[in-house]
Amino acid sequence: MSRYLCILLVTLIISGLNICLASCDSSNRELIMEKNSAAVSKTDYGQLKTKLTTEQFRVTQQCGTEPPFKNAYWNNHEAGIYVDIVSGEALFSSEHKFDSGTGWPSFSQPINPDHIISKPDDTLGMQRTEVRSKKADSHLGHLFFDGPGEAKQRFCINSASLRFIPVKKMWTEGYGRYIPQFETSGIKTDAPTRETAVLAGGCFWGMQDILRKIPGVISTKVGYTGGHLENPSYEDTHDSKSGHAESVEVVFNPGRISYEELLQNYFFRMHDPTTRNRQGNDYGTQYRSAIFYTNETQHTVAERVKALVDASGKWRGSIVTEIVKAGKFYPAEEYHQDYLIKNPSGYTCHYLRQPHIYKKKQ
C-alpha cells in the first residue's frame, strides 16, 4: 500500500468517516484477478486492457480505488446518467447524486436496482459492503448507511468505473427509457416528440389492440413489411408468398414511453418470441417475430433488450426474434385497421403476460 494511501486511511478513520477503499491491496490482488476470471475470460481481459485506461482497468477489474477529489465525477453537477464503463448498463442518475464530502461520486440509490449487486467485504480489517455491476461484474465502490433520506444509503462509487451520459445525448446513445424522469423535472433532452416503431409478432389484429392502448402511443397502423413484393394485399402474404410480415407501425412520444420500454414491457410480453413463424393457431413467415428498426439507435436498443429477455429465464426456449432494418411499410386494407374495435368478438391470440421481473438464468 502506498505511503499516501496509508496516511489517507489513518486520517479519515480518525475523523470518523467511512471511506471507499479498495477491496483488495497488493497482497491479494492476484487472488481477486483469479476470482474475476470466472466471469471474464483471458481474451476479455486482453480486450479490456485495450479498451480501458490503466486506471479504469485497475479499479473495475482489480478492485482498485482512485484518489478522492482527483477523479472525473466527484464534483459533476450536470444532469444525466452514469453507466458501467465496461458494459454500458445504466447504474446511477444525477437525480440521486449528492455531495457527501468524501471526494468520490455519491448516490442515494441506483437508477435500476437490478443492475447492481452487493457482497460482504472484510478486507483491510473492516466490515463493508462492496458494490458491483451485475452484467459486467465491474467493481464500482462500496455501500454505506450514512446517507440522506429514510434509507440513509450512500453508494460511494469510483469515477473510473463510470461513463457519464448527459441528458442531451441520452436518446441518441440509446438510453431513452430514462428520459421521462428528467423531462418531468423540466430538463430538456434530445428525445424527439415523435418516434416510429415497426413490430411484428403474429396476427396484427391482436397486436394493434394492445399497442394502441399504451400510454404515450400516439397512433397505430397495421400493414405489411419485410418482403419482396410491392404493394402487397392480405392474400399476397398468405403461405409466405410475398415474404412480408404482418406488422404494426407505432407512432409514440418517447418523452412518455421510451423505445426500450415499448419493447421490454410490451412487445416481448404480448407474444411468444421463441416461436419463429407461429403465434397461437397462426402459422407461416407472415406471423414471424421481428423488430424492424428505423435508425441505429433503435438497432442498439433492440439488440440490448433481446439479449436481456433471452438471459432472463422468462421464456423456456431461446428468443428467435429477428432484428432487421426497416424497409417500406405498406398499410393493410381498411377493414384490417382497428379490427378488434370494429369486431369486439374477433379472433386474437395476443395478451400481456405477467410483468417482467428479469432473473438471470441459473
Protein backbone atom coordinates (compact mmCIF):
# COMPACT_ATOMS: atom_id res chain seq x y z
CA MET A 1 0.00 0.00 0.00
CA SER A 2 1.40 3.41 -0.91
CA ARG A 3 2.51 5.90 1.76
CA TYR A 4 -0.17 8.34 0.51
CA LEU A 5 -2.96 5.80 0.95
CA CYS A 6 -1.73 4.82 4.43
CA ILE A 7 -1.72 8.45 5.54
CA LEU A 8 -5.14 9.00 3.99
CA LEU A 9 -6.56 5.88 5.65
CA VAL A 10 -5.35 6.85 9.10
CA THR A 11 -6.54 10.43 8.72
CA LEU A 12 -10.04 9.52 7.57
CA ILE A 13 -10.53 6.75 10.14
CA ILE A 14 -9.55 9.17 12.89
CA SER A 15 -12.04 11.71 11.55
CA GLY A 16 -14.77 9.06 11.75
CA LEU A 17 -15.53 8.86 8.03
CA ASN A 18 -16.49 5.68 6.22
CA ILE A 19 -14.47 5.74 3.01
CA CYS A 20 -14.40 3.94 -0.32
CA LEU A 21 -11.19 1.97 -0.03
CA ALA A 22 -10.10 -0.81 -2.34
CA SER A 23 -11.46 -4.31 -1.78
CA CYS A 24 -8.01 -5.68 -2.38
CA ASP A 25 -4.46 -4.49 -1.78
CA SER A 26 -1.26 -5.58 -3.48
CA SER A 27 -1.05 -8.74 -1.37
CA ASN A 28 -4.31 -10.26 -2.58
CA ARG A 29 -4.82 -8.61 -5.97
CA GLU A 30 -3.81 -11.80 -7.77
CA LEU A 31 -6.49 -13.68 -5.83
CA ILE A 32 -9.13 -11.19 -6.94
CA MET A 33 -7.95 -11.44 -10.56
CA GLU A 34 -8.27 -15.22 -10.36
CA LYS A 35 -11.74 -14.89 -8.83
CA ASN A 36 -12.92 -12.49 -11.51
CA SER A 37 -11.57 -14.68 -14.31
CA ALA A 38 -14.59 -16.94 -13.83
CA ALA A 39 -16.73 -14.12 -15.19
CA VAL A 40 -14.26 -12.55 -17.62
CA SER A 41 -12.12 -14.73 -19.88
CA LYS A 42 -8.44 -14.08 -20.58
CA THR A 43 -9.42 -12.87 -24.05
CA ASP A 44 -11.86 -10.44 -22.48
CA TYR A 45 -9.16 -9.17 -20.14
CA GLY A 46 -6.94 -8.54 -23.13
CA GLN A 47 -9.71 -6.62 -24.86
CA LEU A 48 -10.48 -4.66 -21.70
CA LYS A 49 -6.85 -3.66 -21.29
CA THR A 50 -7.05 -2.17 -24.77
CA LYS A 51 -10.46 -0.57 -24.27
CA LEU A 52 -9.94 0.85 -20.77
CA THR A 53 -7.37 3.24 -19.39
CA THR A 54 -4.90 1.85 -16.87
CA GLU A 55 -6.87 3.45 -14.04
CA GLN A 56 -10.23 2.16 -15.29
CA PHE A 57 -8.83 -1.38 -15.58
CA ARG A 58 -7.22 -1.22 -12.14
CA VAL A 59 -10.45 -0.06 -10.50
CA THR A 60 -13.01 -2.23 -12.31
CA GLN A 61 -11.00 -5.45 -12.69
CA GLN A 62 -8.57 -5.31 -9.77
CA CYS A 63 -10.81 -3.67 -7.15
CA GLY A 64 -8.74 -0.52 -7.05
CA THR A 65 -9.70 2.83 -5.58
CA GLU A 66 -8.98 6.18 -7.18
CA PRO A 67 -7.80 9.22 -5.17
CA PRO A 68 -10.54 11.36 -3.59
CA PHE A 69 -11.16 14.81 -5.09
CA LYS A 70 -8.94 13.85 -8.05
CA ASN A 71 -11.42 11.99 -10.24
CA ALA A 72 -13.77 12.88 -13.07
CA TYR A 73 -17.21 12.99 -11.46
CA TRP A 74 -16.94 13.76 -7.73
CA ASN A 75 -17.97 17.37 -8.42
CA ASN A 76 -20.04 16.86 -11.58
CA HIS A 77 -23.43 18.58 -11.34
CA GLU A 78 -24.65 18.13 -14.92
CA ALA A 79 -27.95 16.29 -15.47
CA GLY A 80 -27.63 12.79 -16.91
CA ILE A 81 -26.95 9.16 -16.05
CA TYR A 82 -23.85 7.18 -15.13
CA VAL A 83 -23.30 3.83 -16.88
CA ASP A 84 -20.82 0.99 -16.41
CA ILE A 85 -17.59 1.84 -18.26
CA VAL A 86 -17.30 -1.80 -19.36
CA SER A 87 -20.82 -2.90 -20.33
CA GLY A 88 -22.77 0.33 -20.64
CA GLU A 89 -25.51 -0.83 -18.23
CA ALA A 90 -27.23 2.13 -16.57
CA LEU A 91 -26.27 2.42 -12.90
CA PHE A 92 -26.94 5.84 -11.37
CA SER A 93 -28.71 9.12 -12.11
CA SER A 94 -27.73 12.71 -11.40
CA GLU A 95 -31.19 12.98 -9.80
CA HIS A 96 -29.86 10.86 -6.91
CA LYS A 97 -26.34 12.28 -6.71
CA PHE A 98 -25.33 14.33 -3.66
CA ASP A 99 -22.22 15.89 -2.18
CA SER A 100 -21.03 13.60 0.62
CA GLY A 101 -17.79 15.50 1.22
CA THR A 102 -15.73 12.34 0.68
CA GLY A 103 -14.29 13.28 -2.73
CA TRP A 104 -15.96 10.42 -4.59
CA PRO A 105 -19.27 10.44 -6.52
CA SER A 106 -22.06 9.57 -4.06
CA PHE A 107 -25.61 8.43 -4.85
CA SER A 108 -28.60 7.77 -2.59
CA GLN A 109 -29.88 4.94 -4.80
CA PRO A 110 -29.18 3.18 -8.13
CA ILE A 111 -31.19 4.07 -11.22
CA ASN A 112 -32.09 0.39 -11.60
CA PRO A 113 -31.54 -1.90 -8.59
CA ASP A 114 -31.46 -4.94 -10.90
CA HIS A 115 -28.19 -3.67 -12.40
CA ILE A 116 -26.39 -3.64 -9.03
CA ILE A 117 -25.16 -6.47 -6.83
CA SER A 118 -23.61 -6.19 -3.38
CA LYS A 119 -21.50 -8.54 -1.33
CA PRO A 120 -19.71 -8.52 2.03
CA ASP A 121 -16.16 -7.20 2.02
CA ASP A 122 -13.93 -7.81 5.07
CA THR A 123 -10.62 -6.74 3.56
CA LEU A 124 -8.47 -4.14 5.32
CA GLY A 125 -9.77 -5.34 8.70
CA MET A 126 -13.25 -3.81 8.48
CA GLN A 127 -16.74 -4.99 7.53
CA ARG A 128 -18.09 -3.22 4.47
CA THR A 129 -20.43 -3.86 1.54
CA GLU A 130 -18.86 -3.94 -1.89
CA VAL A 131 -20.94 -2.80 -4.89
CA ARG A 132 -20.51 -4.36 -8.35
CA SER A 133 -22.35 -4.10 -11.66
CA LYS A 134 -24.46 -7.16 -12.40
CA LYS A 135 -23.77 -7.69 -16.09
CA ALA A 136 -20.06 -6.83 -16.31
CA ASP A 137 -19.18 -7.67 -12.69
CA SER A 138 -17.18 -4.46 -12.51
CA HIS A 139 -16.01 -3.27 -9.10
CA LEU A 140 -17.79 0.05 -8.53
CA GLY A 141 -17.21 1.01 -4.90
CA HIS A 142 -18.98 0.49 -1.57
CA LEU A 143 -22.35 1.00 0.06
CA PHE A 144 -22.58 2.79 3.41
CA PHE A 145 -25.58 3.76 5.52
CA ASP A 146 -24.81 7.33 6.45
CA GLY A 147 -26.53 8.98 3.51
CA PRO A 148 -29.62 11.18 3.14
CA GLY A 149 -33.27 10.17 3.33
CA GLU A 150 -35.03 7.41 5.19
CA ALA A 151 -32.91 4.64 3.66
CA LYS A 152 -29.69 6.52 4.53
CA GLN A 153 -27.88 4.83 1.65
CA ARG A 154 -24.63 6.21 0.28
CA PHE A 155 -23.29 4.47 -2.78
CA CYS A 156 -19.68 5.63 -2.79
CA ILE A 157 -18.51 4.99 -6.36
CA ASN A 158 -15.27 5.33 -8.30
CA SER A 159 -15.46 7.68 -11.27
CA ALA A 160 -13.16 5.29 -13.15
CA SER A 161 -15.94 2.68 -13.11
CA LEU A 162 -18.38 5.04 -14.80
CA ARG A 163 -19.14 6.81 -18.04
CA PHE A 164 -21.39 9.86 -17.87
CA ILE A 165 -24.17 10.31 -20.44
CA PRO A 166 -25.53 13.89 -20.36
CA VAL A 167 -29.26 14.35 -20.86
CA LYS A 168 -28.68 15.96 -24.25
CA LYS A 169 -27.18 12.70 -25.54
CA MET A 170 -29.25 10.07 -23.74
CA TRP A 171 -31.73 9.37 -26.54
CA THR A 172 -29.02 9.36 -29.20
CA GLU A 173 -26.93 6.88 -27.21
CA GLY A 174 -29.85 4.52 -26.63
CA TYR A 175 -30.85 5.37 -23.06
CA GLY A 176 -34.25 6.81 -23.90
CA ARG A 177 -36.04 4.77 -21.25
CA TYR A 178 -34.52 7.03 -18.56
CA ILE A 179 -35.51 10.31 -20.22
CA PRO A 180 -39.01 10.69 -18.69
CA GLN A 181 -37.61 11.24 -15.17
CA PHE A 182 -35.67 14.25 -16.42
CA GLU A 183 -38.45 15.71 -18.56
CA THR A 184 -40.83 15.67 -15.60
CA SER A 185 -38.24 17.86 -13.86
CA GLY A 186 -38.37 20.30 -16.77
CA ILE A 187 -34.93 19.39 -18.14
CA LYS A 188 -34.70 19.48 -21.93
CA THR A 189 -33.48 16.25 -23.54
CA ASP A 190 -32.52 15.20 -27.04
CA ALA A 191 -35.60 12.99 -27.46
CA PRO A 192 -37.84 13.84 -30.43
CA THR A 193 -41.53 14.49 -29.82
CA ARG A 194 -42.41 11.57 -32.09
CA GLU A 195 -40.75 8.29 -32.95
CA THR A 196 -41.90 5.35 -35.07
CA ALA A 197 -41.52 1.67 -34.25
CA VAL A 198 -42.38 -1.21 -36.58
CA LEU A 199 -43.10 -4.50 -34.82
CA ALA A 200 -44.24 -7.97 -35.90
CA GLY A 201 -45.37 -10.80 -33.66
CA GLY A 202 -48.23 -12.74 -35.22
CA CYS A 203 -51.67 -11.58 -36.33
CA PHE A 204 -51.63 -7.80 -36.42
CA TRP A 205 -55.22 -7.51 -35.12
CA GLY A 206 -54.31 -8.52 -31.58
CA MET A 207 -51.01 -6.65 -31.52
CA GLN A 208 -52.62 -3.38 -32.58
CA ASP A 209 -55.36 -3.74 -29.98
CA ILE A 210 -52.74 -3.88 -27.20
CA LEU A 211 -50.32 -1.32 -28.63
CA ARG A 212 -52.91 1.41 -29.25
CA LYS A 213 -53.85 1.46 -25.54
CA ILE A 214 -50.33 2.05 -24.20
CA PRO A 215 -49.82 5.48 -22.55
CA GLY A 216 -47.55 7.52 -24.80
CA VAL A 217 -48.62 5.81 -28.04
CA ILE A 218 -49.97 8.41 -30.45
CA SER A 219 -51.23 6.23 -33.30
CA THR A 220 -51.04 2.71 -34.71
CA LYS A 221 -51.48 1.27 -38.19
CA VAL A 222 -51.38 -2.35 -39.36
CA GLY A 223 -49.66 -3.36 -42.57
CA TYR A 224 -47.03 -5.44 -44.31
CA THR A 225 -43.24 -5.11 -44.37
CA GLY A 226 -40.07 -7.15 -44.77
CA GLY A 227 -40.98 -8.84 -48.07
CA HIS A 228 -40.13 -8.59 -51.76
CA LEU A 229 -43.49 -7.78 -53.37
CA GLU A 230 -44.55 -4.17 -53.91
CA ASN A 231 -48.00 -3.07 -52.77
CA PRO A 232 -48.97 -6.46 -51.32
CA SER A 233 -52.53 -7.35 -50.39
CA TYR A 234 -53.64 -9.50 -47.49
CA GLU A 235 -53.95 -12.51 -49.81
CA ASP A 236 -50.39 -11.97 -51.10
CA THR A 237 -48.94 -12.54 -47.64
CA HIS A 238 -50.55 -15.95 -47.10
CA ASP A 239 -48.41 -19.08 -47.39
CA SER A 240 -45.33 -16.81 -47.20
CA LYS A 241 -45.78 -15.83 -50.85
CA SER A 242 -44.69 -12.19 -50.57
CA GLY A 243 -42.21 -12.60 -47.71
CA HIS A 244 -43.92 -9.82 -45.78
CA ALA A 245 -44.71 -9.97 -42.08
CA GLU A 246 -47.98 -8.77 -40.63
CA SER A 247 -46.74 -5.72 -38.72
CA VAL A 248 -47.84 -2.72 -36.72
CA GLU A 249 -46.45 0.76 -37.27
CA VAL A 250 -46.45 2.51 -33.89
CA VAL A 251 -46.02 6.27 -33.54
CA PHE A 252 -45.22 7.18 -29.93
CA ASN A 253 -43.95 10.02 -27.76
CA PRO A 254 -40.52 8.97 -26.42
CA GLY A 255 -40.90 11.57 -23.69
CA ARG A 256 -43.71 9.44 -22.23
CA ILE A 257 -42.56 5.96 -23.17
CA SER A 258 -39.15 5.03 -24.50
CA TYR A 259 -38.43 2.58 -27.31
CA GLU A 260 -36.75 0.31 -24.77
CA GLU A 261 -39.84 0.25 -22.55
CA LEU A 262 -42.06 -0.38 -25.56
CA LEU A 263 -40.04 -3.48 -26.41
CA GLN A 264 -39.30 -4.75 -22.91
CA ASN A 265 -42.62 -4.09 -21.20
CA TYR A 266 -44.99 -4.73 -24.09
CA PHE A 267 -43.61 -6.30 -27.29
CA PHE A 268 -41.85 -9.20 -25.59
CA ARG A 269 -44.86 -9.77 -23.34
CA MET A 270 -47.66 -9.70 -25.92
CA HIS A 271 -46.42 -12.65 -28.00
CA ASP A 272 -44.19 -15.71 -27.74
CA PRO A 273 -40.77 -14.66 -29.11
CA THR A 274 -39.44 -18.23 -29.01
CA THR A 275 -41.65 -19.48 -31.89
CA ARG A 276 -40.15 -18.20 -35.13
CA ASN A 277 -43.08 -18.42 -37.53
CA ARG A 278 -46.04 -19.18 -35.31
CA GLN A 279 -48.35 -17.45 -32.87
CA GLY A 280 -51.31 -19.38 -31.49
CA ASN A 281 -53.10 -21.10 -34.36
CA ASP A 282 -51.37 -18.96 -36.99
CA TYR A 283 -48.50 -20.48 -38.99
CA GLY A 284 -46.22 -19.01 -41.66
CA THR A 285 -43.45 -16.45 -42.08
CA GLN A 286 -46.07 -13.69 -42.20
CA TYR A 287 -46.55 -14.37 -38.47
CA ARG A 288 -42.86 -14.22 -37.55
CA SER A 289 -41.46 -12.39 -34.55
CA ALA A 290 -39.50 -9.37 -35.79
CA ILE A 291 -38.35 -5.89 -34.85
CA PHE A 292 -37.82 -3.59 -37.82
CA TYR A 293 -35.54 -0.81 -36.59
CA THR A 294 -35.78 2.62 -38.22
CA ASN A 295 -32.42 4.01 -37.06
CA GLU A 296 -29.18 2.81 -35.47
CA THR A 297 -30.24 3.88 -32.00
CA GLN A 298 -33.25 1.57 -32.25
CA HIS A 299 -30.94 -1.17 -33.56
CA THR A 300 -28.69 -0.86 -30.49
CA VAL A 301 -31.62 -0.81 -28.08
CA ALA A 302 -33.37 -3.76 -29.76
CA GLU A 303 -30.25 -5.94 -29.55
CA ARG A 304 -29.78 -4.99 -25.90
CA VAL A 305 -33.38 -5.73 -24.92
CA LYS A 306 -33.44 -9.02 -26.83
CA ALA A 307 -30.30 -10.16 -25.00
CA LEU A 308 -31.82 -9.10 -21.67
CA VAL A 309 -35.04 -11.03 -22.31
CA ASP A 310 -33.11 -14.07 -23.53
CA ALA A 311 -30.99 -14.09 -20.36
CA SER A 312 -33.94 -13.50 -18.05
CA GLY A 313 -35.22 -17.07 -17.98
CA LYS A 314 -38.75 -15.73 -18.56
CA TRP A 315 -39.13 -17.98 -21.60
CA ARG A 316 -38.15 -21.64 -21.66
CA GLY A 317 -36.78 -21.50 -25.20
CA SER A 318 -34.31 -19.12 -26.83
CA ILE A 319 -35.53 -15.82 -28.25
CA VAL A 320 -35.71 -16.07 -32.06
CA THR A 321 -37.00 -12.56 -32.78
CA GLU A 322 -35.43 -11.13 -35.94
CA ILE A 323 -33.90 -7.66 -35.72
CA VAL A 324 -33.68 -6.19 -39.21
CA LYS A 325 -33.55 -2.76 -40.80
CA ALA A 326 -36.98 -1.41 -41.65
CA GLY A 327 -37.96 -1.29 -45.29
CA LYS A 328 -41.10 0.15 -46.83
CA PHE A 329 -44.25 -0.26 -44.77
CA TYR A 330 -47.42 -0.95 -46.76
CA PRO A 331 -50.65 -0.16 -44.87
CA ALA A 332 -53.14 -3.03 -44.84
CA GLU A 333 -56.64 -2.80 -46.21
CA GLU A 334 -59.02 -0.56 -44.28
CA TYR A 335 -61.07 -3.43 -42.85
CA HIS A 336 -57.94 -4.63 -41.02
CA GLN A 337 -57.32 -1.28 -39.31
CA ASP A 338 -58.52 -1.35 -35.66
CA TYR A 339 -60.16 -4.67 -36.44
CA LEU A 340 -60.98 -5.59 -32.85
CA ILE A 341 -62.66 -2.23 -32.28
CA LYS A 342 -64.89 -2.89 -35.26
CA ASN A 343 -65.28 -6.56 -34.28
CA PRO A 344 -65.05 -6.82 -30.46
CA SER A 345 -65.52 -10.59 -30.50
CA GLY A 346 -62.99 -11.10 -33.29
CA TYR A 347 -60.08 -13.54 -33.17
CA THR A 348 -56.91 -12.74 -31.24
CA CYS A 349 -54.14 -14.80 -29.66
CA HIS A 350 -52.40 -11.85 -28.01
CA TYR A 351 -52.38 -10.88 -24.35
CA LEU A 352 -49.91 -9.34 -21.94
CA ARG A 353 -48.07 -11.90 -19.81
CA GLN A 354 -47.24 -11.09 -16.20
CA PRO A 355 -44.90 -8.09 -15.85
CA HIS A 356 -41.27 -8.95 -16.41
CA ILE A 357 -39.10 -9.46 -13.38
CA TYR A 358 -35.91 -10.32 -15.15
CA LYS A 359 -33.88 -13.02 -13.46
CA LYS A 360 -30.60 -14.31 -14.77
CA LYS A 361 -30.68 -17.91 -15.97
CA GLN A 362 -29.07 -20.25 -13.46
